[in-house]
């Protein structure tokens, strides 16, 4: 039992050494993850803002395109009317 207890203590010390050795790396990784999270939140905010601006600009563009479409329809109707009237004249 004494040998078993000694072996357990040795393994516990080895485990503790291993944990102490890797602890700083773990802390550094967590710190880096927190920085990445902050940067990701900033990026998300910028993407959301850009998306909103793009949607607003898109609304203006769609409105302009609708006006252009109406003008093209009128232009085509006028051209067709002039063509038909030209054929009707002697």
PDB file of N, CA and C in Angstrom:
ATOM      1  N   UNK A   1       0.831  -1.199   0.000  1.00  0.00           N
ATOM      2  CA  UNK A   1       0.000   0.000   0.000  1.00  0.00           C
ATOM      3  C   UNK A   1       0.869   1.254   0.000  1.00  0.00           C
ATOM      4  N   UNK A   2       2.019   1.181   0.746  1.00  0.00           N
ATOM      5  CA  UNK A   2       2.904   2.341   0.793  1.00  0.00           C
ATOM      6  C   UNK A   2       3.488   2.637  -0.581  1.00  0.00           C
ATOM      7  N   UNK A   3       3.884   1.566  -1.288  1.00  0.00           N
ATOM      8  CA  UNK A   3       4.442   1.756  -2.630  1.00  0.00           C
ATOM      9  C   UNK A   3       3.379   2.329  -3.569  1.00  0.00           C
ATOM     10  N   UNK A   4       2.170   1.838  -3.430  1.00  0.00           N
ATOM     11  CA  UNK A   4       1.076   2.344  -4.253  1.00  0.00           C
ATOM     12  C   UNK A   4       0.811   3.809  -3.939  1.00  0.00           C
ATOM     13  N   UNK A   5       0.805   4.172  -2.654  1.00  0.00           N
ATOM     14  CA  UNK A   5       0.609   5.572  -2.261  1.00  0.00           C
ATOM     15  C   UNK A   5       1.744   6.449  -2.791  1.00  0.00           C
ATOM     16  N   UNK A   6       2.975   5.939  -2.727  1.00  0.00           N
ATOM     17  CA  UNK A   6       4.120   6.680  -3.262  1.00  0.00           C
ATOM     18  C   UNK A   6       4.001   6.882  -4.761  1.00  0.00           C
ATOM     19  N   UNK A   7       3.582   5.846  -5.445  1.00  0.00           N
ATOM     20  CA  UNK A   7       3.402   5.946  -6.906  1.00  0.00           C
ATOM     21  C   UNK A   7       2.300   6.962  -7.251  1.00  0.00           C
ATOM     22  N   UNK A   8       1.226   6.939  -6.485  1.00  0.00           N
ATOM     23  CA  UNK A   8       0.129   7.902  -6.697  1.00  0.00           C
ATOM     24  C   UNK A   8       0.632   9.327  -6.487  1.00  0.00           C
ATOM     25  N   UNK A   9       1.409   9.544  -5.426  1.00  0.00           N
ATOM     26  CA  UNK A   9       1.955  10.878  -5.167  1.00  0.00           C
ATOM     27  C   UNK A   9       2.861  11.322  -6.317  1.00  0.00           C
ATOM     28  N   UNK A  10       3.692  10.393  -6.818  1.00  0.00           N
ATOM     29  CA  UNK A  10       4.567  10.715  -7.949  1.00  0.00           C
ATOM     30  C   UNK A  10       3.750  11.121  -9.181  1.00  0.00           C
ATOM     31  N   UNK A  11       2.728  10.353  -9.461  1.00  0.00           N
ATOM     32  CA  UNK A  11       1.875  10.678 -10.616  1.00  0.00           C
ATOM     33  C   UNK A  11       1.161  12.016 -10.409  1.00  0.00           C
ATOM     34  N   UNK A  12       0.711  12.265  -9.183  1.00  0.00           N
ATOM     35  CA  UNK A  12       0.062  13.544  -8.890  1.00  0.00           C
ATOM     36  C   UNK A  12       1.027  14.709  -9.114  1.00  0.00           C
ATOM     37  N   UNK A  13       2.289  14.531  -8.688  1.00  0.00           N
ATOM     38  CA  UNK A  13       3.292  15.583  -8.907  1.00  0.00           C
ATOM     39  C   UNK A  13       3.550  15.795 -10.398  1.00  0.00           C
ATOM     40  N   UNK A  14       3.647  14.703 -11.134  1.00  0.00           N
ATOM     41  CA  UNK A  14       3.870  14.821 -12.583  1.00  0.00           C
ATOM     42  C   UNK A  14       2.702  15.534 -13.254  1.00  0.00           C
ATOM     43  N   UNK A  15       1.504  15.180 -12.827  1.00  0.00           N
ATOM     44  CA  UNK A  15       0.309  15.836 -13.388  1.00  0.00           C
ATOM     45  C   UNK A  15       0.328  17.319 -13.044  1.00  0.00           C
ATOM     46  N   UNK A  16       0.676  17.643 -11.807  1.00  0.00           N
ATOM     47  CA  UNK A  16       0.728  19.045 -11.394  1.00  0.00           C
ATOM     48  C   UNK A  16       1.793  19.814 -12.179  1.00  0.00           C
ATOM     49  N   UNK A  17       2.965  19.202 -12.373  1.00  0.00           N
ATOM     50  CA  UNK A  17       4.019  19.838 -13.175  1.00  0.00           C
ATOM     51  C   UNK A  17       3.539  20.088 -14.599  1.00  0.00           C
ATOM     52  N   UNK A  18       2.887  19.081 -15.172  1.00  0.00           N
ATOM     53  CA  UNK A  18       2.387  19.197 -16.537  1.00  0.00           C
ATOM     54  C   UNK A  18       1.361  20.324 -16.631  1.00  0.00           C
ATOM     55  N   UNK A  19       0.461  20.380 -15.652  1.00  0.00           N
ATOM     56  CA  UNK A  19      -0.561  21.438 -15.655  1.00  0.00           C
ATOM     57  C   UNK A  19       0.078  22.815 -15.487  1.00  0.00           C
ATOM     58  N   UNK A  20       1.041  22.923 -14.582  1.00  0.00           N
ATOM     59  CA  UNK A  20       1.725  24.205 -14.378  1.00  0.00           C
ATOM     60  C   UNK A  20       2.475  24.625 -15.633  1.00  0.00           C
ATOM     61  N   UNK A  21       3.065  23.656 -16.304  1.00  0.00           N
ATOM     62  CA  UNK A  21       3.823  23.942 -17.526  1.00  0.00           C
ATOM     63  C   UNK A  21       2.911  24.499 -18.628  1.00  0.00           C
ATOM     64  N   UNK A  22       1.711  23.938 -18.761  1.00  0.00           N
ATOM     65  CA  UNK A  22       0.803  24.335 -19.837  1.00  0.00           C
ATOM     66  C   UNK A  22      -0.169  25.444 -19.436  1.00  0.00           C
ATOM     67  N   UNK A  23      -0.192  25.800 -18.163  1.00  0.00           N
ATOM     68  CA  UNK A  23      -1.154  26.792 -17.682  1.00  0.00           C
ATOM     69  C   UNK A  23      -0.957  28.148 -18.355  1.00  0.00           C
ATOM     70  N   UNK A  24       0.279  28.618 -18.469  1.00  0.00           N
ATOM     71  CA  UNK A  24       0.527  29.933 -19.066  1.00  0.00           C
ATOM     72  C   UNK A  24       0.094  29.947 -20.527  1.00  0.00           C
ATOM     73  N   UNK A  25       0.347  28.857 -21.239  1.00  0.00           N
ATOM     74  CA  UNK A  25      -0.116  28.763 -22.627  1.00  0.00           C
ATOM     75  C   UNK A  25      -1.632  28.843 -22.717  1.00  0.00           C
ATOM     76  N   UNK A  26      -2.288  28.193 -21.770  1.00  0.00           N
ATOM     77  CA  UNK A  26      -3.748  28.233 -21.716  1.00  0.00           C
ATOM     78  C   UNK A  26      -4.233  29.657 -21.471  1.00  0.00           C
ATOM     79  N   UNK A  27      -3.622  30.340 -20.517  1.00  0.00           N
ATOM     80  CA  UNK A  27      -4.001  31.723 -20.202  1.00  0.00           C
ATOM     81  C   UNK A  27      -3.758  32.616 -21.421  1.00  0.00           C
ATOM     82  N   UNK A  28      -2.617  32.434 -22.088  1.00  0.00           N
ATOM     83  CA  UNK A  28      -2.326  33.226 -23.292  1.00  0.00           C
ATOM     84  C   UNK A  28      -3.360  32.969 -24.381  1.00  0.00           C
ATOM     85  N   UNK A  29      -3.763  31.717 -24.534  1.00  0.00           N
ATOM     86  CA  UNK A  29      -4.776  31.376 -25.543  1.00  0.00           C
ATOM     87  C   UNK A  29      -6.114  32.033 -25.233  1.00  0.00           C
ATOM     88  N   UNK A  30      -6.496  32.021 -23.971  1.00  0.00           N
ATOM     89  CA  UNK A  30      -7.757  32.657 -23.568  1.00  0.00           C
ATOM     90  C   UNK A  30      -7.696  34.158 -23.819  1.00  0.00           C
ATOM     91  N   UNK A  31      -6.560  34.767 -23.492  1.00  0.00           N
ATOM     92  CA  UNK A  31      -6.389  36.203 -23.727  1.00  0.00           C
ATOM     93  C   UNK A  31      -6.508  36.511 -25.217  1.00  0.00           C
ATOM     94  N   UNK A  32      -5.871  35.693 -26.036  1.00  0.00           N
ATOM     95  CA  UNK A  32      -5.942  35.882 -27.494  1.00  0.00           C
ATOM     96  C   UNK A  32      -7.371  35.715 -27.999  1.00  0.00           C
ATOM     97  N   UNK A  33      -8.083  34.727 -27.466  1.00  0.00           N
ATOM     98  CA  UNK A  33      -9.484  34.533 -27.862  1.00  0.00           C
ATOM     99  C   UNK A  33     -10.346  35.736 -27.494  1.00  0.00           C
ATOM    100  N   UNK A  34     -10.090  36.330 -26.345  1.00  0.00           N
ATOM    101  CA  UNK A  34     -10.848  37.517 -25.943  1.00  0.00           C
ATOM    102  C   UNK A  34     -10.578  38.682 -26.891  1.00  0.00           C
ATOM    103  N   UNK A  35      -9.321  38.819 -27.320  1.00  0.00           N
ATOM    104  CA  UNK A  35      -8.990  39.868 -28.284  1.00  0.00           C
ATOM    105  C   UNK A  35      -9.694  39.599 -29.613  1.00  0.00           C
ATOM    106  N   UNK A  36      -9.678  38.346 -30.044  1.00  0.00           N
ATOM    107  CA  UNK A  36     -10.332  37.981 -31.313  1.00  0.00           C
ATOM    108  C   UNK A  36     -11.829  38.245 -31.227  1.00  0.00           C
ATOM    109  N   UNK A  37     -12.424  37.949 -30.067  1.00  0.00           N
ATOM    110  CA  UNK A  37     -13.859  38.201 -29.900  1.00  0.00           C
ATOM    111  C   UNK A  37     -14.158  39.689 -30.036  1.00  0.00           C
ATOM    112  N   UNK A  38     -13.320  40.522 -29.424  1.00  0.00           N
ATOM    113  CA  UNK A  38     -13.511  41.971 -29.538  1.00  0.00           C
ATOM    114  C   UNK A  38     -13.395  42.442 -30.978  1.00  0.00           C
ATOM    115  N   UNK A  39     -12.399  41.935 -31.679  1.00  0.00           N
ATOM    116  CA  UNK A  39     -12.227  42.305 -33.087  1.00  0.00           C
ATOM    117  C   UNK A  39     -13.387  41.796 -33.935  1.00  0.00           C
ATOM    118  N   UNK A  40     -13.879  40.600 -33.621  1.00  0.00           N
ATOM    119  CA  UNK A  40     -15.017  40.045 -34.358  1.00  0.00           C
ATOM    120  C   UNK A  40     -16.265  40.897 -34.145  1.00  0.00           C
ATOM    121  N   UNK A  41     -16.454  41.395 -32.929  1.00  0.00           N
ATOM    122  CA  UNK A  41     -17.604  42.255 -32.654  1.00  0.00           C
ATOM    123  C   UNK A  41     -17.491  43.570 -33.418  1.00  0.00           C
ATOM    124  N   UNK A  42     -16.276  44.135 -33.481  1.00  0.00           N
ATOM    125  CA  UNK A  42     -16.069  45.358 -34.260  1.00  0.00           C
ATOM    126  C   UNK A  42     -16.370  45.105 -35.732  1.00  0.00           C
ATOM    127  N   UNK A  43     -15.868  43.977 -36.242  1.00  0.00           N
ATOM    128  CA  UNK A  43     -16.088  43.635 -37.649  1.00  0.00           C
ATOM    129  C   UNK A  43     -17.574  43.440 -37.938  1.00  0.00           C
ATOM    130  N   UNK A  44     -18.269  42.768 -37.029  1.00  0.00           N
ATOM    131  CA  UNK A  44     -19.709  42.562 -37.204  1.00  0.00           C
ATOM    132  C   UNK A  44     -20.432  43.902 -37.246  1.00  0.00           C
ATOM    133  N   UNK A  45     -20.047  44.812 -36.374  1.00  0.00           N
ATOM    134  CA  UNK A  45     -20.654  46.138 -36.338  1.00  0.00           C
ATOM    135  C   UNK A  45     -20.406  46.873 -37.650  1.00  0.00           C
ATOM    136  N   UNK A  46     -19.177  46.810 -38.148  1.00  0.00           N
ATOM    137  CA  UNK A  46     -18.851  47.480 -39.409  1.00  0.00           C
ATOM    138  C   UNK A  46     -19.626  46.871 -40.572  1.00  0.00           C
ATOM    139  N   UNK A  47     -19.745  45.540 -40.593  1.00  0.00           N
ATOM    140  CA  UNK A  47     -20.483  44.871 -41.667  1.00  0.00           C
ATOM    141  C   UNK A  47     -21.957  45.266 -41.612  1.00  0.00           C
ATOM    142  N   UNK A  48     -22.519  45.326 -40.417  1.00  0.00           N
ATOM    143  CA  UNK A  48     -23.924  45.714 -40.271  1.00  0.00           C
ATOM    144  C   UNK A  48     -24.134  47.149 -40.745  1.00  0.00           C
ATOM    145  N   UNK A  49     -23.229  48.043 -40.366  1.00  0.00           N
ATOM    146  CA  UNK A  49     -23.333  49.442 -40.787  1.00  0.00           C
ATOM    147  C   UNK A  49     -23.205  49.561 -42.305  1.00  0.00           C
ATOM    148  N   UNK A  50     -22.253  48.848 -42.875  1.00  0.00           N
ATOM    149  CA  UNK A  50     -22.064  48.877 -44.326  1.00  0.00           C
ATOM    150  C   UNK A  50     -23.300  48.323 -45.035  1.00  0.00           C
ATOM    151  N   UNK A  51     -23.867  47.262 -44.487  1.00  0.00           N
ATOM    152  CA  UNK A  51     -25.059  46.668 -45.079  1.00  0.00           C
ATOM    153  C   UNK A  51     -26.218  47.661 -45.069  1.00  0.00           C
ATOM    154  N   UNK A  52     -26.405  48.374 -43.970  1.00  0.00           N
ATOM    155  CA  UNK A  52     -27.488  49.357 -43.892  1.00  0.00           C
ATOM    156  C   UNK A  52     -27.289  50.483 -44.911  1.00  0.00           C
ATOM    157  N   UNK A  53     -26.040  50.971 -45.022  1.00  0.00           N
ATOM    158  CA  UNK A  53     -25.763  52.024 -46.005  1.00  0.00           C
ATOM    159  C   UNK A  53     -25.998  51.517 -47.425  1.00  0.00           C
ATOM    160  N   UNK A  54     -25.588  50.298 -47.680  1.00  0.00           N
ATOM    161  CA  UNK A  54     -25.773  49.709 -49.007  1.00  0.00           C
ATOM    162  C   UNK A  54     -27.256  49.561 -49.335  1.00  0.00           C
ATOM    163  N   UNK A  55     -28.038  49.154 -48.353  1.00  0.00           N
ATOM    164  CA  UNK A  55     -29.473  49.019 -48.582  1.00  0.00           C
ATOM    165  C   UNK A  55     -30.111  50.381 -48.863  1.00  0.00           C
ATOM    166  N   UNK A  56     -29.698  51.410 -48.131  1.00  0.00           N
ATOM    167  CA  UNK A  56     -30.233  52.752 -48.371  1.00  0.00           C
ATOM    168  C   UNK A  56     -29.855  53.236 -49.774  1.00  0.00           C
ATOM    169  N   UNK A  57     -28.589  53.053 -50.140  1.00  0.00           N
ATOM    170  CA  UNK A  57     -28.152  53.451 -51.481  1.00  0.00           C
ATOM    171  C   UNK A  57     -28.867  52.630 -52.548  1.00  0.00           C
ATOM    172  N   UNK A  58     -29.127  51.375 -52.240  1.00  0.00           N
ATOM    173  CA  UNK A  58     -29.834  50.504 -53.176  1.00  0.00           C
ATOM    174  C   UNK A  58     -31.259  50.980 -53.412  1.00  0.00           C
ATOM    175  N   UNK A  59     -31.904  51.498 -52.363  1.00  0.00           N
ATOM    176  CA  UNK A  59     -33.270  52.015 -52.522  1.00  0.00           C
ATOM    177  C   UNK A  59     -33.278  53.189 -53.492  1.00  0.00           C
ATOM    178  N   UNK A  60     -32.302  54.072 -53.363  1.00  0.00           N
ATOM    179  CA  UNK A  60     -32.197  55.217 -54.270  1.00  0.00           C
ATOM    180  C   UNK A  60     -31.962  54.725 -55.693  1.00  0.00           C
ATOM    181  N   UNK A  61     -31.082  53.755 -55.837  1.00  0.00           N
ATOM    182  CA  UNK A  61     -30.774  53.212 -57.161  1.00  0.00           C
ATOM    183  C   UNK A  61     -31.996  52.545 -57.782  1.00  0.00           C
ATOM    184  N   UNK A  62     -32.736  51.785 -56.992  1.00  0.00           N
ATOM    185  CA  UNK A  62     -33.945  51.129 -57.503  1.00  0.00           C
ATOM    186  C   UNK A  62     -34.954  52.172 -57.954  1.00  0.00           C
ATOM    187  N   UNK A  63     -35.106  53.234 -57.183  1.00  0.00           N
ATOM    188  CA  UNK A  63     -36.021  54.307 -57.555  1.00  0.00           C
ATOM    189  C   UNK A  63     -35.602  54.935 -58.886  1.00  0.00           C
ATOM    190  N   UNK A  64     -34.314  55.197 -59.028  1.00  0.00           N
ATOM    191  CA  UNK A  64     -33.810  55.777 -60.276  1.00  0.00           C
ATOM    192  C   UNK A  64     -34.016  54.824 -61.446  1.00  0.00           C
ATOM    193  N   UNK A  65     -33.814  53.547 -61.207  1.00  0.00           N
ATOM    194  CA  UNK A  65     -34.003  52.558 -62.277  1.00  0.00           C
ATOM    195  C   UNK A  65     -35.468  52.484 -62.697  1.00  0.00           C
ATOM    196  N   UNK A  66     -36.379  52.593 -61.742  1.00  0.00           N
ATOM    197  CA  UNK A  66     -37.804  52.598 -62.081  1.00  0.00           C
ATOM    198  C   UNK A  66     -38.150  53.818 -62.948  1.00  0.00           C
ATOM    199  N   UNK A  67     -37.596  54.982 -62.578  1.00  0.00           N
ATOM    200  CA  UNK A  67     -37.825  56.186 -63.374  1.00  0.00           C
ATOM    201  C   UNK A  67     -37.261  56.014 -64.778  1.00  0.00           C
ATOM    202  N   UNK A  68     -36.083  55.442 -64.890  1.00  0.00           N
ATOM    203  CA  UNK A  68     -35.469  55.197 -66.194  1.00  0.00           C
ATOM    204  C   UNK A  68     -36.317  54.234 -67.012  1.00  0.00           C
ATOM    205  N   UNK A  69     -36.835  53.214 -66.360  1.00  0.00           N
ATOM    206  CA  UNK A  69     -37.695  52.245 -67.048  1.00  0.00           C
ATOM    207  C   UNK A  69     -38.936  52.940 -67.613  1.00  0.00           C
ATOM    208  N   UNK A  70     -39.549  53.802 -66.791  1.00  0.00           N
ATOM    209  CA  UNK A  70     -40.724  54.539 -67.259  1.00  0.00           C
ATOM    210  C   UNK A  70     -40.373  55.437 -68.446  1.00  0.00           C
ATOM    211  N   UNK A  71     -39.224  56.109 -68.368  1.00  0.00           N
ATOM    212  CA  UNK A  71     -38.798  56.975 -69.475  1.00  0.00           C
ATOM    213  C   UNK A  71     -38.566  56.169 -70.743  1.00  0.00           C
ATOM    214  N   UNK A  72     -37.957  54.993 -70.602  1.00  0.00           N
ATOM    215  CA  UNK A  72     -37.715  54.143 -71.781  1.00  0.00           C
ATOM    216  C   UNK A  72     -39.030  53.668 -72.404  1.00  0.00           C
ATOM    217  N   UNK A  73     -40.005  53.337 -71.572  1.00  0.00           N
ATOM    218  CA  UNK A  73     -41.318  52.924 -72.087  1.00  0.00           C
ATOM    219  C   UNK A  73     -41.954  54.081 -72.842  1.00  0.00           C
ATOM    220  N   UNK A  74     -41.894  55.291 -72.257  1.00  0.00           N
ATOM    221  CA  UNK A  74     -42.456  56.462 -72.937  1.00  0.00           C
ATOM    222  C   UNK A  74     -41.718  56.731 -74.240  1.00  0.00           C
ATOM    223  N   UNK A  75     -40.408  56.623 -74.215  1.00  0.00           N
ATOM    224  CA  UNK A  75     -39.603  56.858 -75.411  1.00  0.00           C
ATOM    225  C   UNK A  75     -39.991  55.853 -76.510  1.00  0.00           C
ATOM    226  N   UNK A  76     -40.144  54.603 -76.134  1.00  0.00           N
ATOM    227  CA  UNK A  76     -40.541  53.578 -77.101  1.00  0.00           C
ATOM    228  C   UNK A  76     -41.941  53.848 -77.653  1.00  0.00           C
ATOM    229  N   UNK A  77     -42.864  54.263 -76.774  1.00  0.00           N
ATOM    230  CA  UNK A  77     -44.221  54.579 -77.221  1.00  0.00           C
ATOM    231  C   UNK A  77     -44.221  55.764 -78.188  1.00  0.00           C
ATOM    232  N   UNK A  78     -43.417  56.776 -77.866  1.00  0.00           N
ATOM    233  CA  UNK A  78     -43.335  57.947 -78.749  1.00  0.00           C
ATOM    234  C   UNK A  78     -42.758  57.544 -80.099  1.00  0.00           C
ATOM    235  N   UNK A  79     -41.700  56.733 -80.087  1.00  0.00           N
ATOM    236  CA  UNK A  79     -41.088  56.291 -81.348  1.00  0.00           C
ATOM    237  C   UNK A  79     -42.079  55.470 -82.162  1.00  0.00           C
ATOM    238  N   UNK A  80     -42.826  54.602 -81.520  1.00  0.00           N
ATOM    239  CA  UNK A  80     -43.831  53.796 -82.224  1.00  0.00           C
ATOM    240  C   UNK A  80     -44.917  54.684 -82.804  1.00  0.00           C
ATOM    241  N   UNK A  81     -45.362  55.682 -82.026  1.00  0.00           N
ATOM    242  CA  UNK A  81     -46.395  56.600 -82.495  1.00  0.00           C
ATOM    243  C   UNK A  81     -45.906  57.387 -83.705  1.00  0.00           C
ATOM    244  N   UNK A  82     -44.689  57.910 -83.639  1.00  0.00           N
ATOM    245  CA  UNK A  82     -44.123  58.669 -84.767  1.00  0.00           C
ATOM    246  C   UNK A  82     -44.025  57.767 -85.990  1.00  0.00           C
ATOM    247  N   UNK A  83     -43.586  56.532 -85.807  1.00  0.00           N
ATOM    248  CA  UNK A  83     -43.465  55.590 -86.925  1.00  0.00           C
ATOM    249  C   UNK A  83     -44.837  55.311 -87.550  1.00  0.00           C
ATOM    250  N   UNK A  84     -45.836  55.090 -86.726  1.00  0.00           N
ATOM    251  CA  UNK A  84     -47.204  54.811 -87.243  1.00  0.00           C
ATOM    252  C   UNK A  84     -47.761  56.045 -87.960  1.00  0.00           C
ATOM    253  N   UNK A  85     -47.530  57.228 -87.400  1.00  0.00           N
ATOM    254  CA  UNK A  85     -48.026  58.454 -88.039  1.00  0.00           C
ATOM    255  C   UNK A  85     -47.303  58.690 -89.367  1.00  0.00           C
ATOM    256  N   UNK A  86     -46.021  58.367 -89.437  1.00  0.00           N
ATOM    257  CA  UNK A  86     -45.263  58.519 -90.681  1.00  0.00           C
ATOM    258  C   UNK A  86     -45.838  57.627 -91.769  1.00  0.00           C
ATOM    259  N   UNK A  87     -46.240  56.431 -91.420  1.00  0.00           N
ATOM    260  CA  UNK A  87     -46.828  55.496 -92.398  1.00  0.00           C
ATOM    261  C   UNK A  87     -48.209  55.965 -92.852  1.00  0.00           C
ATOM    262  N   UNK A  88     -48.898  56.701 -91.990  1.00  0.00           N
ATOM    263  CA  UNK A  88     -50.242  57.178 -92.327  1.00  0.00           C
ATOM    264  C   UNK A  88     -50.202  58.406 -93.263  1.00  0.00           C
ATOM    265  N   UNK A  89     -49.122  59.151 -93.256  1.00  0.00           N
ATOM    266  CA  UNK A  89     -49.055  60.368 -94.085  1.00  0.00           C
ATOM    267  C   UNK A  89     -48.848  59.979 -95.558  1.00  0.00           C
ATOM    268  N   UNK A  90     -49.465  60.773 -96.445  1.00  0.00           N
ATOM    269  CA  UNK A  90     -49.304  60.448 -97.886  1.00  0.00           C
ATOM    270  C   UNK A  90     -47.883  60.757 -98.367  1.00  0.00           C
TER     271      UNK A  90
END
